[in-house]
Amino acid sequence: MTNYICTTCGVQYDAAPKEPAECIICNEERQYVNHSGQAWTTLEEMKQSGRFQNEIALEVERLYSLTTTPEFGIGQSAYLIQEPGFNLLWDCITYLDQRTIENIERMG
C-alpha cells in the first residue's frame, strides 16, 4: 500500500494499492488538472530524486516560514510560530524529510 501524492496540488492520499483515478481537489471547479493530465508521485520518490529540499526562513521575530524548493504542487508554505511555552506549526507542506523534522524539533 502506498500513499500517493497529486503532483498538481500536493495533496497526499490515504494508502492504497494503486494510484487514485483522480484527485478530488484538482477536479473541484476552482482548481484544475494539469494540462498533461493527472500525475502522481510518492514522498519516497521525492526523497530519492534528490531534487527537493525545504528552507526554513525567519520572517519576523518568532515567525518562520517553511517552503520547498523547487516549488512543488501549488507552492504551499507552512509557518512555525514560537510563543513562550509552546510552538505552533500552522499548515503543512507536502515534502517533509528527516532533516526538516529534526530542524523543527531543534526549534522547540
PDB file of N, CA and C in Angstrom:
ATOM      1  N   MET A   1       0.851  -1.181   0.000  1.00  0.00           N
ATOM      2  CA  MET A   1       0.000   0.000   0.000  1.00  0.00           C
ATOM      3  C   MET A   1       0.898   1.247   0.000  1.00  0.00           C
ATOM      4  N   THR A   2       0.500   2.217  -0.776  1.00  0.00           N
ATOM      5  CA  THR A   2       1.305   3.414  -0.979  1.00  0.00           C
ATOM      6  C   THR A   2       0.449   4.652  -0.789  1.00  0.00           C
ATOM      7  N   ASN A   3       1.052   5.698  -0.211  1.00  0.00           N
ATOM      8  CA  ASN A   3       0.391   6.994  -0.108  1.00  0.00           C
ATOM      9  C   ASN A   3       0.778   7.807  -1.339  1.00  0.00           C
ATOM     10  N   TYR A   4      -0.167   7.986  -2.243  1.00  0.00           N
ATOM     11  CA  TYR A   4       0.103   8.736  -3.468  1.00  0.00           C
ATOM     12  C   TYR A   4      -0.132  10.219  -3.247  1.00  0.00           C
ATOM     13  N   ILE A   5       0.690  11.035  -3.934  1.00  0.00           N
ATOM     14  CA  ILE A   5       0.627  12.490  -3.845  1.00  0.00           C
ATOM     15  C   ILE A   5       0.312  13.038  -5.224  1.00  0.00           C
ATOM     16  N   CYS A   6      -0.681  13.900  -5.301  1.00  0.00           N
ATOM     17  CA  CYS A   6      -1.025  14.576  -6.551  1.00  0.00           C
ATOM     18  C   CYS A   6       0.080  15.598  -6.855  1.00  0.00           C
ATOM     19  N   THR A   7       0.661  15.525  -8.046  1.00  0.00           N
ATOM     20  CA  THR A   7       1.751  16.448  -8.381  1.00  0.00           C
ATOM     21  C   THR A   7       1.256  17.860  -8.699  1.00  0.00           C
ATOM     22  N   THR A   8      -0.033  18.019  -8.958  1.00  0.00           N
ATOM     23  CA  THR A   8      -0.563  19.350  -9.261  1.00  0.00           C
ATOM     24  C   THR A   8      -0.822  20.147  -7.993  1.00  0.00           C
ATOM     25  N   CYS A   9      -1.512  19.555  -7.015  1.00  0.00           N
ATOM     26  CA  CYS A   9      -1.869  20.323  -5.810  1.00  0.00           C
ATOM     27  C   CYS A   9      -1.035  19.948  -4.584  1.00  0.00           C
ATOM     28  N   GLY A  10      -0.384  18.785  -4.607  1.00  0.00           N
ATOM     29  CA  GLY A  10       0.464  18.386  -3.491  1.00  0.00           C
ATOM     30  C   GLY A  10      -0.245  17.643  -2.376  1.00  0.00           C
ATOM     31  N   VAL A  11      -1.513  17.279  -2.557  1.00  0.00           N
ATOM     32  CA  VAL A  11      -2.253  16.555  -1.515  1.00  0.00           C
ATOM     33  C   VAL A  11      -1.858  15.085  -1.524  1.00  0.00           C
ATOM     34  N   GLN A  12      -1.579  14.561  -0.324  1.00  0.00           N
ATOM     35  CA  GLN A  12      -1.262  13.141  -0.171  1.00  0.00           C
ATOM     36  C   GLN A  12      -2.521  12.393   0.235  1.00  0.00           C
ATOM     37  N   TYR A  13      -2.752  11.274  -0.419  1.00  0.00           N
ATOM     38  CA  TYR A  13      -3.944  10.462  -0.158  1.00  0.00           C
ATOM     39  C   TYR A  13      -3.624   9.284   0.758  1.00  0.00           C
ATOM     40  N   ASP A  14      -4.676   8.731   1.356  1.00  0.00           N
ATOM     41  CA  ASP A  14      -4.528   7.548   2.203  1.00  0.00           C
ATOM     42  C   ASP A  14      -3.882   6.422   1.415  1.00  0.00           C
ATOM     43  N   ALA A  15      -3.222   5.531   2.120  1.00  0.00           N
ATOM     44  CA  ALA A  15      -2.545   4.397   1.485  1.00  0.00           C
ATOM     45  C   ALA A  15      -3.530   3.590   0.644  1.00  0.00           C
ATOM     46  N   ALA A  16      -3.082   3.231  -0.555  1.00  0.00           N
ATOM     47  CA  ALA A  16      -3.916   2.469  -1.483  1.00  0.00           C
ATOM     48  C   ALA A  16      -3.019   1.545  -2.303  1.00  0.00           C
ATOM     49  N   PRO A  17      -3.589   0.471  -2.852  1.00  0.00           N
ATOM     50  CA  PRO A  17      -2.784  -0.458  -3.649  1.00  0.00           C
ATOM     51  C   PRO A  17      -2.402   0.097  -5.019  1.00  0.00           C
ATOM     52  N   LYS A  18      -3.132   1.123  -5.520  1.00  0.00           N
ATOM     53  CA  LYS A  18      -2.793   1.729  -6.816  1.00  0.00           C
ATOM     54  C   LYS A  18      -3.137   3.217  -6.772  1.00  0.00           C
ATOM     55  N   GLU A  19      -2.619   3.946  -7.771  1.00  0.00           N
ATOM     56  CA  GLU A  19      -2.871   5.384  -7.843  1.00  0.00           C
ATOM     57  C   GLU A  19      -4.372   5.658  -7.902  1.00  0.00           C
ATOM     58  N   PRO A  20      -4.832   6.725  -7.257  1.00  0.00           N
ATOM     59  CA  PRO A  20      -6.248   7.097  -7.390  1.00  0.00           C
ATOM     60  C   PRO A  20      -6.578   7.417  -8.849  1.00  0.00           C
ATOM     61  N   ALA A  21      -7.816   7.267  -9.212  1.00  0.00           N
ATOM     62  CA  ALA A  21      -8.249   7.573 -10.583  1.00  0.00           C
ATOM     63  C   ALA A  21      -8.216   9.067 -10.841  1.00  0.00           C
ATOM     64  N   GLU A  22      -8.468   9.856  -9.795  1.00  0.00           N
ATOM     65  CA  GLU A  22      -8.479  11.304  -9.934  1.00  0.00           C
ATOM     66  C   GLU A  22      -8.199  11.948  -8.589  1.00  0.00           C
ATOM     67  N   CYS A  23      -7.810  13.213  -8.640  1.00  0.00           N
ATOM     68  CA  CYS A  23      -7.596  13.994  -7.421  1.00  0.00           C
ATOM     69  C   CYS A  23      -8.867  14.793  -7.163  1.00  0.00           C
ATOM     70  N   ILE A  24      -9.496  14.578  -6.032  1.00  0.00           N
ATOM     71  CA  ILE A  24     -10.752  15.283  -5.757  1.00  0.00           C
ATOM     72  C   ILE A  24     -10.529  16.782  -5.562  1.00  0.00           C
ATOM     73  N   ILE A  25      -9.331  17.183  -5.170  1.00  0.00           N
ATOM     74  CA  ILE A  25      -9.023  18.604  -5.026  1.00  0.00           C
ATOM     75  C   ILE A  25      -8.935  19.250  -6.413  1.00  0.00           C
ATOM     76  N   CYS A  26      -8.168  18.650  -7.299  1.00  0.00           N
ATOM     77  CA  CYS A  26      -7.957  19.236  -8.631  1.00  0.00           C
ATOM     78  C   CYS A  26      -9.200  19.160  -9.506  1.00  0.00           C
ATOM     79  N   ASN A  27     -10.097  18.236  -9.232  1.00  0.00           N
ATOM     80  CA  ASN A  27     -11.328  18.141 -10.013  1.00  0.00           C
ATOM     81  C   ASN A  27     -12.398  19.118  -9.547  1.00  0.00           C
ATOM     82  N   GLU A  28     -12.155  19.800  -8.442  1.00  0.00           N
ATOM     83  CA  GLU A  28     -13.078  20.832  -7.972  1.00  0.00           C
ATOM     84  C   GLU A  28     -13.014  21.996  -8.953  1.00  0.00           C
ATOM     85  N   GLU A  29     -14.115  22.613  -9.255  1.00  0.00           N
ATOM     86  CA  GLU A  29     -14.183  23.607 -10.337  1.00  0.00           C
ATOM     87  C   GLU A  29     -13.268  24.812 -10.154  1.00  0.00           C
ATOM     88  N   ARG A  30     -12.866  25.130  -8.928  1.00  0.00           N
ATOM     89  CA  ARG A  30     -11.981  26.278  -8.713  1.00  0.00           C
ATOM     90  C   ARG A  30     -10.509  25.916  -8.884  1.00  0.00           C
ATOM     91  N   GLN A  31     -10.214  24.655  -8.986  1.00  0.00           N
ATOM     92  CA  GLN A  31      -8.835  24.179  -9.185  1.00  0.00           C
ATOM     93  C   GLN A  31      -8.726  23.700 -10.627  1.00  0.00           C
ATOM     94  N   TYR A  32      -7.744  22.921 -10.941  1.00  0.00           N
ATOM     95  CA  TYR A  32      -7.543  22.433 -12.302  1.00  0.00           C
ATOM     96  C   TYR A  32      -6.741  21.142 -12.266  1.00  0.00           C
ATOM     97  N   VAL A  33      -6.806  20.408 -13.346  1.00  0.00           N
ATOM     98  CA  VAL A  33      -5.919  19.273 -13.558  1.00  0.00           C
ATOM     99  C   VAL A  33      -4.874  19.745 -14.554  1.00  0.00           C
ATOM    100  N   ASN A  34      -3.629  19.440 -14.298  1.00  0.00           N
ATOM    101  CA  ASN A  34      -2.533  19.826 -15.173  1.00  0.00           C
ATOM    102  C   ASN A  34      -2.874  19.493 -16.619  1.00  0.00           C
ATOM    103  N   HIS A  35      -2.486  20.362 -17.565  1.00  0.00           N
ATOM    104  CA  HIS A  35      -2.827  20.135 -18.975  1.00  0.00           C
ATOM    105  C   HIS A  35      -2.285  18.815 -19.517  1.00  0.00           C
ATOM    106  N   SER A  36      -1.243  18.274 -18.885  1.00  0.00           N
ATOM    107  CA  SER A  36      -0.710  16.971 -19.327  1.00  0.00           C
ATOM    108  C   SER A  36      -1.445  15.803 -18.669  1.00  0.00           C
ATOM    109  N   GLY A  37      -2.437  16.109 -17.837  1.00  0.00           N
ATOM    110  CA  GLY A  37      -3.242  15.069 -17.199  1.00  0.00           C
ATOM    111  C   GLY A  37      -2.848  14.816 -15.759  1.00  0.00           C
ATOM    112  N   GLN A  38      -3.623  13.991 -15.111  1.00  0.00           N
ATOM    113  CA  GLN A  38      -3.392  13.648 -13.704  1.00  0.00           C
ATOM    114  C   GLN A  38      -2.077  12.895 -13.555  1.00  0.00           C
ATOM    115  N   ALA A  39      -1.272  13.297 -12.588  1.00  0.00           N
ATOM    116  CA  ALA A  39       0.005  12.631 -12.331  1.00  0.00           C
ATOM    117  C   ALA A  39       0.192  12.463 -10.831  1.00  0.00           C
ATOM    118  N   TRP A  40       0.900  11.414 -10.471  1.00  0.00           N
ATOM    119  CA  TRP A  40       1.094  11.061  -9.067  1.00  0.00           C
ATOM    120  C   TRP A  40       2.564  10.812  -8.772  1.00  0.00           C
ATOM    121  N   THR A  41       2.937  11.024  -7.530  1.00  0.00           N
ATOM    122  CA  THR A  41       4.250  10.664  -7.032  1.00  0.00           C
ATOM    123  C   THR A  41       4.067  10.151  -5.615  1.00  0.00           C
ATOM    124  N   THR A  42       5.158   9.870  -4.946  1.00  0.00           N
ATOM    125  CA  THR A  42       5.119   9.486  -3.533  1.00  0.00           C
ATOM    126  C   THR A  42       6.206  10.279  -2.803  1.00  0.00           C
ATOM    127  N   LEU A  43       6.091  10.352  -1.497  1.00  0.00           N
ATOM    128  CA  LEU A  43       7.107  11.026  -0.705  1.00  0.00           C
ATOM    129  C   LEU A  43       8.457  10.339  -0.890  1.00  0.00           C
ATOM    130  N   GLU A  44       8.449   9.023  -0.952  1.00  0.00           N
ATOM    131  CA  GLU A  44       9.691   8.276  -1.147  1.00  0.00           C
ATOM    132  C   GLU A  44      10.348   8.627  -2.487  1.00  0.00           C
ATOM    133  N   GLU A  45       9.554   8.722  -3.551  1.00  0.00           N
ATOM    134  CA  GLU A  45      10.098   9.108  -4.859  1.00  0.00           C
ATOM    135  C   GLU A  45      10.676  10.524  -4.802  1.00  0.00           C
ATOM    136  N   MET A  46      10.002  11.411  -4.103  1.00  0.00           N
ATOM    137  CA  MET A  46      10.500  12.779  -3.975  1.00  0.00           C
ATOM    138  C   MET A  46      11.839  12.798  -3.244  1.00  0.00           C
ATOM    139  N   LYS A  47      11.942  12.034  -2.163  1.00  0.00           N
ATOM    140  CA  LYS A  47      13.195  11.972  -1.405  1.00  0.00           C
ATOM    141  C   LYS A  47      14.311  11.379  -2.252  1.00  0.00           C
ATOM    142  N   GLN A  48      14.023  10.292  -2.947  1.00  0.00           N
ATOM    143  CA  GLN A  48      15.045   9.612  -3.749  1.00  0.00           C
ATOM    144  C   GLN A  48      15.513  10.442  -4.934  1.00  0.00           C
ATOM    145  N   SER A  49      14.689  11.358  -5.416  1.00  0.00           N
ATOM    146  CA  SER A  49      15.069  12.173  -6.564  1.00  0.00           C
ATOM    147  C   SER A  49      16.222  13.122  -6.242  1.00  0.00           C
ATOM    148  N   GLY A  50      16.337  13.503  -4.971  1.00  0.00           N
ATOM    149  CA  GLY A  50      17.366  14.453  -4.569  1.00  0.00           C
ATOM    150  C   GLY A  50      17.103  15.877  -5.049  1.00  0.00           C
ATOM    151  N   ARG A  51      15.972  16.112  -5.663  1.00  0.00           N
ATOM    152  CA  ARG A  51      15.625  17.441  -6.202  1.00  0.00           C
ATOM    153  C   ARG A  51      15.154  18.409  -5.138  1.00  0.00           C
ATOM    154  N   PHE A  52      14.471  17.897  -4.126  1.00  0.00           N
ATOM    155  CA  PHE A  52      13.740  18.774  -3.210  1.00  0.00           C
ATOM    156  C   PHE A  52      14.479  18.977  -1.903  1.00  0.00           C
ATOM    157  N   GLN A  53      14.309  20.180  -1.377  1.00  0.00           N
ATOM    158  CA  GLN A  53      14.772  20.483  -0.030  1.00  0.00           C
ATOM    159  C   GLN A  53      13.863  21.561   0.539  1.00  0.00           C
ATOM    160  N   ASN A  54      13.827  21.628   1.838  1.00  0.00           N
ATOM    161  CA  ASN A  54      12.997  22.631   2.497  1.00  0.00           C
ATOM    162  C   ASN A  54      13.868  23.735   3.059  1.00  0.00           C
ATOM    163  N   GLU A  55      13.351  24.928   2.975  1.00  0.00           N
ATOM    164  CA  GLU A  55      14.016  26.086   3.545  1.00  0.00           C
ATOM    165  C   GLU A  55      13.171  26.608   4.698  1.00  0.00           C
ATOM    166  N   ILE A  56      13.839  26.875   5.811  1.00  0.00           N
ATOM    167  CA  ILE A  56      13.177  27.483   6.962  1.00  0.00           C
ATOM    168  C   ILE A  56      13.751  28.880   7.095  1.00  0.00           C
ATOM    169  N   ALA A  57      12.888  29.874   6.975  1.00  0.00           N
ATOM    170  CA  ALA A  57      13.347  31.272   6.979  1.00  0.00           C
ATOM    171  C   ALA A  57      12.635  32.066   8.060  1.00  0.00           C
ATOM    172  N   LEU A  58      13.398  32.873   8.772  1.00  0.00           N
ATOM    173  CA  LEU A  58      12.825  33.789   9.764  1.00  0.00           C
ATOM    174  C   LEU A  58      12.139  34.926   9.016  1.00  0.00           C
ATOM    175  N   GLU A  59      10.845  35.074   9.205  1.00  0.00           N
ATOM    176  CA  GLU A  59      10.076  36.134   8.548  1.00  0.00           C
ATOM    177  C   GLU A  59      10.052  37.396   9.410  1.00  0.00           C
ATOM    178  N   VAL A  60       9.668  37.233  10.647  1.00  0.00           N
ATOM    179  CA  VAL A  60       9.722  38.279  11.669  1.00  0.00           C
ATOM    180  C   VAL A  60      10.009  37.555  12.976  1.00  0.00           C
ATOM    181  N   GLU A  61      10.281  38.301  14.011  1.00  0.00           N
ATOM    182  CA  GLU A  61      10.592  37.672  15.298  1.00  0.00           C
ATOM    183  C   GLU A  61       9.539  36.627  15.670  1.00  0.00           C
ATOM    184  N   ARG A  62       9.987  35.392  15.947  1.00  0.00           N
ATOM    185  CA  ARG A  62       9.166  34.253  16.387  1.00  0.00           C
ATOM    186  C   ARG A  62       8.238  33.701  15.294  1.00  0.00           C
ATOM    187  N   LEU A  63       8.461  34.056  14.031  1.00  0.00           N
ATOM    188  CA  LEU A  63       7.656  33.518  12.937  1.00  0.00           C
ATOM    189  C   LEU A  63       8.583  33.059  11.810  1.00  0.00           C
ATOM    190  N   TYR A  64       8.538  31.756  11.529  1.00  0.00           N
ATOM    191  CA  TYR A  64       9.358  31.157  10.483  1.00  0.00           C
ATOM    192  C   TYR A  64       8.455  30.593   9.389  1.00  0.00           C
ATOM    193  N   SER A  65       8.908  30.685   8.142  1.00  0.00           N
ATOM    194  CA  SER A  65       8.200  30.041   7.040  1.00  0.00           C
ATOM    195  C   SER A  65       8.975  28.793   6.625  1.00  0.00           C
ATOM    196  N   LEU A  66       8.245  27.792   6.173  1.00  0.00           N
ATOM    197  CA  LEU A  66       8.832  26.561   5.645  1.00  0.00           C
ATOM    198  C   LEU A  66       8.344  26.411   4.210  1.00  0.00           C
ATOM    199  N   THR A  67       9.270  26.357   3.273  1.00  0.00           N
ATOM    200  CA  THR A  67       8.914  26.209   1.865  1.00  0.00           C
ATOM    201  C   THR A  67       9.807  25.159   1.216  1.00  0.00           C
ATOM    202  N   THR A  68       9.290  24.541   0.180  1.00  0.00           N
ATOM    203  CA  THR A  68      10.023  23.529  -0.559  1.00  0.00           C
ATOM    204  C   THR A  68      10.575  24.138  -1.836  1.00  0.00           C
ATOM    205  N   THR A  69      11.842  23.822  -2.125  1.00  0.00           N
ATOM    206  CA  THR A  69      12.450  24.228  -3.395  1.00  0.00           C
ATOM    207  C   THR A  69      12.989  22.992  -4.096  1.00  0.00           C
ATOM    208  N   PRO A  70      12.818  22.876  -5.403  1.00  0.00           N
ATOM    209  CA  PRO A  70      11.995  23.771  -6.195  1.00  0.00           C
ATOM    210  C   PRO A  70      10.535  23.655  -5.757  1.00  0.00           C
ATOM    211  N   GLU A  71       9.752  24.655  -6.124  1.00  0.00           N
ATOM    212  CA  GLU A  71       8.338  24.676  -5.735  1.00  0.00           C
ATOM    213  C   GLU A  71       7.650  23.386  -6.175  1.00  0.00           C
ATOM    214  N   PHE A  72       6.790  22.873  -5.314  1.00  0.00           N
ATOM    215  CA  PHE A  72       6.062  21.636  -5.614  1.00  0.00           C
ATOM    216  C   PHE A  72       4.575  21.867  -5.405  1.00  0.00           C
ATOM    217  N   GLY A  73       3.756  21.224  -6.224  1.00  0.00           N
ATOM    218  CA  GLY A  73       2.306  21.369  -6.096  1.00  0.00           C
ATOM    219  C   GLY A  73       1.910  22.815  -6.335  1.00  0.00           C
ATOM    220  N   ILE A  74       1.135  23.360  -5.422  1.00  0.00           N
ATOM    221  CA  ILE A  74       0.711  24.756  -5.561  1.00  0.00           C
ATOM    222  C   ILE A  74       1.625  25.698  -4.772  1.00  0.00           C
ATOM    223  N   GLY A  75       2.757  25.186  -4.342  1.00  0.00           N
ATOM    224  CA  GLY A  75       3.732  26.040  -3.667  1.00  0.00           C
ATOM    225  C   GLY A  75       3.348  26.444  -2.264  1.00  0.00           C
ATOM    226  N   GLN A  76       2.748  25.521  -1.523  1.00  0.00           N
ATOM    227  CA  GLN A  76       2.322  25.822  -0.155  1.00  0.00           C
ATOM    228  C   GLN A  76       3.497  26.255   0.720  1.00  0.00           C
ATOM    229  N   SER A  77       3.175  26.975   1.764  1.00  0.00           N
ATOM    230  CA  SER A  77       4.129  27.309   2.815  1.00  0.00           C
ATOM    231  C   SER A  77       3.505  26.909   4.141  1.00  0.00           C
ATOM    232  N   ALA A  78       4.344  26.472   5.046  1.00  0.00           N
ATOM    233  CA  ALA A  78       3.913  26.233   6.424  1.00  0.00           C
ATOM    234  C   ALA A  78       4.577  27.311   7.269  1.00  0.00           C
ATOM    235  N   TYR A  79       4.051  27.531   8.451  1.00  0.00           N
ATOM    236  CA  TYR A  79       4.610  28.549   9.338  1.00  0.00           C
ATOM    237  C   TYR A  79       4.788  27.968  10.730  1.00  0.00           C
ATOM    238  N   LEU A  80       5.933  28.267  11.328  1.00  0.00           N
ATOM    239  CA  LEU A  80       6.216  27.883  12.705  1.00  0.00           C
ATOM    240  C   LEU A  80       6.164  29.155  13.532  1.00  0.00           C
ATOM    241  N   ILE A  81       5.236  29.183  14.471  1.00  0.00           N
ATOM    242  CA  ILE A  81       5.050  30.337  15.353  1.00  0.00           C
ATOM    243  C   ILE A  81       5.583  29.951  16.727  1.00  0.00           C
ATOM    244  N   GLN A  82       6.544  30.711  17.229  1.00  0.00           N
ATOM    245  CA  GLN A  82       7.126  30.428  18.537  1.00  0.00           C
ATOM    246  C   GLN A  82       6.514  31.359  19.573  1.00  0.00           C
ATOM    247  N   GLU A  83       5.981  30.774  20.612  1.00  0.00           N
ATOM    248  CA  GLU A  83       5.401  31.520  21.726  1.00  0.00           C
ATOM    249  C   GLU A  83       5.999  30.992  23.022  1.00  0.00           C
ATOM    250  N   PRO A  84       5.989  31.785  24.063  1.00  0.00           N
ATOM    251  CA  PRO A  84       6.506  31.290  25.344  1.00  0.00           C
ATOM    252  C   PRO A  84       5.756  30.027  25.779  1.00  0.00           C
ATOM    253  N   GLY A  85       6.475  28.949  25.975  1.00  0.00           N
ATOM    254  CA  GLY A  85       5.886  27.705  26.458  1.00  0.00           C
ATOM    255  C   GLY A  85       5.399  26.751  25.379  1.00  0.00           C
ATOM    256  N   PHE A  86       5.300  27.199  24.132  1.00  0.00           N
ATOM    257  CA  PHE A  86       4.868  26.290  23.072  1.00  0.00           C
ATOM    258  C   PHE A  86       5.196  26.865  21.695  1.00  0.00           C
ATOM    259  N   ASN A  87       5.218  25.983  20.722  1.00  0.00           N
ATOM    260  CA  ASN A  87       5.337  26.376  19.315  1.00  0.00           C
ATOM    261  C   ASN A  87       4.130  25.826  18.583  1.00  0.00           C
ATOM    262  N   LEU A  88       3.743  26.496  17.516  1.00  0.00           N
ATOM    263  CA  LEU A  88       2.611  26.064  16.707  1.00  0.00           C
ATOM    264  C   LEU A  88       3.074  25.960  15.261  1.00  0.00           C
ATOM    265  N   LEU A  89       2.915  24.779  14.659  1.00  0.00           N
ATOM    266  CA  LEU A  89       3.209  24.593  13.248  1.00  0.00           C
ATOM    267  C   LEU A  89       1.887  24.722  12.513  1.00  0.00           C
ATOM    268  N   TRP A  90       1.750  25.798  11.743  1.00  0.00           N
ATOM    269  CA  TRP A  90       0.494  26.130  11.080  1.00  0.00           C
ATOM    270  C   TRP A  90       0.570  25.688   9.635  1.00  0.00           C
ATOM    271  N   ASP A  91      -0.396  24.888   9.242  1.00  0.00           N
ATOM    272  CA  ASP A  91      -0.488  24.354   7.889  1.00  0.00           C
ATOM    273  C   ASP A  91       0.626  23.339   7.660  1.00  0.00           C
ATOM    274  N   CYS A  92       0.766  22.889   6.454  1.00  0.00           N
ATOM    275  CA  CYS A  92       1.759  21.866   6.173  1.00  0.00           C
ATOM    276  C   CYS A  92       2.237  22.006   4.736  1.00  0.00           C
ATOM    277  N   ILE A  93       3.364  21.413   4.466  1.00  0.00           N
ATOM    278  CA  ILE A  93       3.888  21.312   3.118  1.00  0.00           C
ATOM    279  C   ILE A  93       3.937  19.836   2.763  1.00  0.00           C
ATOM    280  N   THR A  94       3.960  19.538   1.489  1.00  0.00           N
ATOM    281  CA  THR A  94       3.936  18.146   1.044  1.00  0.00           C
ATOM    282  C   THR A  94       5.223  17.425   1.392  1.00  0.00           C
ATOM    283  N   TYR A  95       6.353  18.063   1.135  1.00  0.00           N
ATOM    284  CA  TYR A  95       7.649  17.404   1.279  1.00  0.00           C
ATOM    285  C   TYR A  95       8.186  17.571   2.696  1.00  0.00           C
ATOM    286  N   LEU A  96       8.138  16.518   3.468  1.00  0.00           N
ATOM    287  CA  LEU A  96       8.719  16.515   4.816  1.00  0.00           C
ATOM    288  C   LEU A  96       9.776  15.427   4.875  1.00  0.00           C
ATOM    289  N   ASP A  97      11.021  15.842   5.021  1.00  0.00           N
ATOM    290  CA  ASP A  97      12.112  14.885   5.144  1.00  0.00           C
ATOM    291  C   ASP A  97      12.649  14.911   6.573  1.00  0.00           C
ATOM    292  N   GLN A  98      13.547  13.990   6.856  1.00  0.00           N
ATOM    293  CA  GLN A  98      14.074  13.865   8.215  1.00  0.00           C
ATOM    294  C   GLN A  98      14.818  15.131   8.643  1.00  0.00           C
ATOM    295  N   ARG A  99      15.546  15.751   7.727  1.00  0.00           N
ATOM    296  CA  ARG A  99      16.278  16.978   8.051  1.00  0.00           C
ATOM    297  C   ARG A  99      15.323  18.081   8.502  1.00  0.00           C
ATOM    298  N   THR A 100      14.214  18.230   7.810  1.00  0.00           N
ATOM    299  CA  THR A 100      13.224  19.247   8.174  1.00  0.00           C
ATOM    300  C   THR A 100      12.623  18.951   9.542  1.00  0.00           C
ATOM    301  N   ILE A 101      12.271  17.697   9.776  1.00  0.00           N
ATOM    302  CA  ILE A 101      11.699  17.291  11.061  1.00  0.00           C
ATOM    303  C   ILE A 101      12.674  17.595  12.190  1.00  0.00           C
ATOM    304  N   GLU A 102      13.945  17.249  11.984  1.00  0.00           N
ATOM    305  CA  GLU A 102      14.959  17.499  13.013  1.00  0.00           C
ATOM    306  C   GLU A 102      15.140  19.000  13.261  1.00  0.00           C
ATOM    307  N   ASN A 103      15.115  19.807  12.201  1.00  0.00           N
ATOM    308  CA  ASN A 103      15.242  21.261  12.377  1.00  0.00           C
ATOM    309  C   ASN A 103      14.068  21.833  13.146  1.00  0.00           C
ATOM    310  N   ILE A 104      12.872  21.371  12.852  1.00  0.00           N
ATOM    311  CA  ILE A 104      11.685  21.832  13.593  1.00  0.00           C
ATOM    312  C   ILE A 104      11.782  21.420  15.056  1.00  0.00           C
ATOM    313  N   GLU A 105      12.194  20.184  15.311  1.00  0.00           N
ATOM    314  CA  GLU A 105      12.327  19.716  16.703  1.00  0.00           C
ATOM    315  C   GLU A 105      13.366  20.532  17.462  1.00  0.00           C
ATOM    316  N   ARG A 106      14.465  20.890  16.801  1.00  0.00           N
ATOM    317  CA  ARG A 106      15.504  21.708  17.455  1.00  0.00           C
ATOM    318  C   ARG A 106      14.967  23.096  17.825  1.00  0.00           C
ATOM    319  N   MET A 107      14.026  23.576  17.051  1.00  0.00           N
ATOM    320  CA  MET A 107      13.466  24.898  17.315  1.00  0.00           C
ATOM    321  C   MET A 107      12.461  24.868  18.469  1.00  0.00           C
ATOM    322  N   GLY A 108      12.166  23.686  18.936  1.00  0.00           N
ATOM    323  CA  GLY A 108      11.273  23.552  20.091  1.00  0.00           C
ATOM    324  C   GLY A 108       9.942  23.046  19.726  1.00  0.00           C
TER     325      GLY A 108
END
